[in-house]
């Protein structure tokens, strides 16, 4: 059984990360991508990337900007 986090929870978590990196010097979207790659498990990253592909409603712009640097999990064989 695949466990998925609610889209609302995922958006909240991603936006909290983006809000933090928006307040830091440097490229905030890079910081968002690094954090998500380091701390979100593959299923969470896959869900986030899919959500962004579907329009990313409610996501902070830094999360959208980070999408190209977030590692997609390897496809299951």
Protein backbone atom coordinates (compact mmCIF):
# COMPACT_ATOMS: atom_id res chain seq x y z
CA UNK A 1 0.00 0.00 0.00
CA UNK A 2 1.46 3.34 -1.04
CA UNK A 3 1.26 6.06 1.57
CA UNK A 4 0.87 9.56 0.21
CA UNK A 5 0.91 12.71 2.22
CA UNK A 6 -2.00 15.06 1.70
CA UNK A 7 -1.32 17.73 -0.91
CA UNK A 8 -2.06 20.39 1.71
CA UNK A 9 0.57 18.99 4.09
CA UNK A 10 3.10 18.68 1.29
CA UNK A 11 2.51 22.28 0.14
CA UNK A 12 2.82 23.51 3.73
CA UNK A 13 6.09 21.66 4.27
CA UNK A 14 7.60 22.79 0.96
CA UNK A 15 6.52 26.39 1.55
CA UNK A 16 8.06 26.41 5.03
CA UNK A 17 11.37 25.36 3.48
CA UNK A 18 11.04 28.04 0.79
CA UNK A 19 10.17 30.73 3.35
CA UNK A 20 13.34 29.91 5.27
CA UNK A 21 15.58 29.97 2.19
CA UNK A 22 13.94 33.17 0.91
CA UNK A 23 15.31 34.89 4.04
CA UNK A 24 18.86 33.63 3.46
CA UNK A 25 21.51 35.11 1.16
CA UNK A 26 22.19 33.36 -2.12
CA UNK A 27 20.01 31.36 -4.48
CA UNK A 28 16.96 30.39 -2.46
CA UNK A 29 15.72 27.88 -5.01
CA UNK A 30 19.05 26.04 -4.85
CA UNK A 31 18.72 25.85 -1.06
CA UNK A 32 15.19 24.50 -1.39
CA UNK A 33 16.33 21.83 -3.86
CA UNK A 34 19.29 20.78 -1.72
CA UNK A 35 17.13 20.51 1.40
CA UNK A 36 14.42 18.49 -0.34
CA UNK A 37 16.98 16.21 -1.99
CA UNK A 38 18.74 15.63 1.34
CA UNK A 39 15.73 15.19 3.62
CA UNK A 40 12.67 14.11 1.63
CA UNK A 41 12.38 10.43 0.86
CA UNK A 42 11.94 9.40 -2.81
CA UNK A 43 8.14 8.98 -2.66
CA UNK A 44 7.76 12.48 -1.23
CA UNK A 45 9.98 13.96 -3.95
CA UNK A 46 8.03 12.08 -6.63
CA UNK A 47 4.74 13.36 -5.22
CA UNK A 48 6.03 16.94 -5.11
CA UNK A 49 7.37 16.81 -8.67
CA UNK A 50 4.08 15.37 -9.91
CA UNK A 51 2.19 18.11 -8.07
CA UNK A 52 4.39 20.76 -9.71
CA UNK A 53 3.79 19.19 -13.14
CA UNK A 54 0.05 19.48 -12.44
CA UNK A 55 0.38 23.22 -11.83
CA UNK A 56 1.81 23.43 -8.31
CA UNK A 57 -1.18 25.28 -6.88
CA UNK A 58 -0.28 27.13 -3.69
CA UNK A 59 3.46 26.46 -3.84
CA UNK A 60 5.93 29.24 -3.06
CA UNK A 61 7.72 30.43 -6.23
CA UNK A 62 11.06 29.18 -4.88
CA UNK A 63 9.68 25.63 -4.77
CA UNK A 64 8.55 25.92 -8.39
CA UNK A 65 11.97 27.34 -9.34
CA UNK A 66 13.70 24.47 -7.51
CA UNK A 67 11.81 21.75 -9.39
CA UNK A 68 14.49 21.31 -12.06
CA UNK A 69 17.08 20.57 -9.37
CA UNK A 70 15.00 18.18 -7.27
CA UNK A 71 16.10 14.61 -7.92
CA UNK A 72 13.35 12.43 -9.30
CA UNK A 73 13.47 8.95 -7.81
CA UNK A 74 14.59 6.15 -10.10
CA UNK A 75 11.72 4.39 -11.80
CA UNK A 76 10.83 1.08 -10.23
CA UNK A 77 11.68 -1.93 -12.35
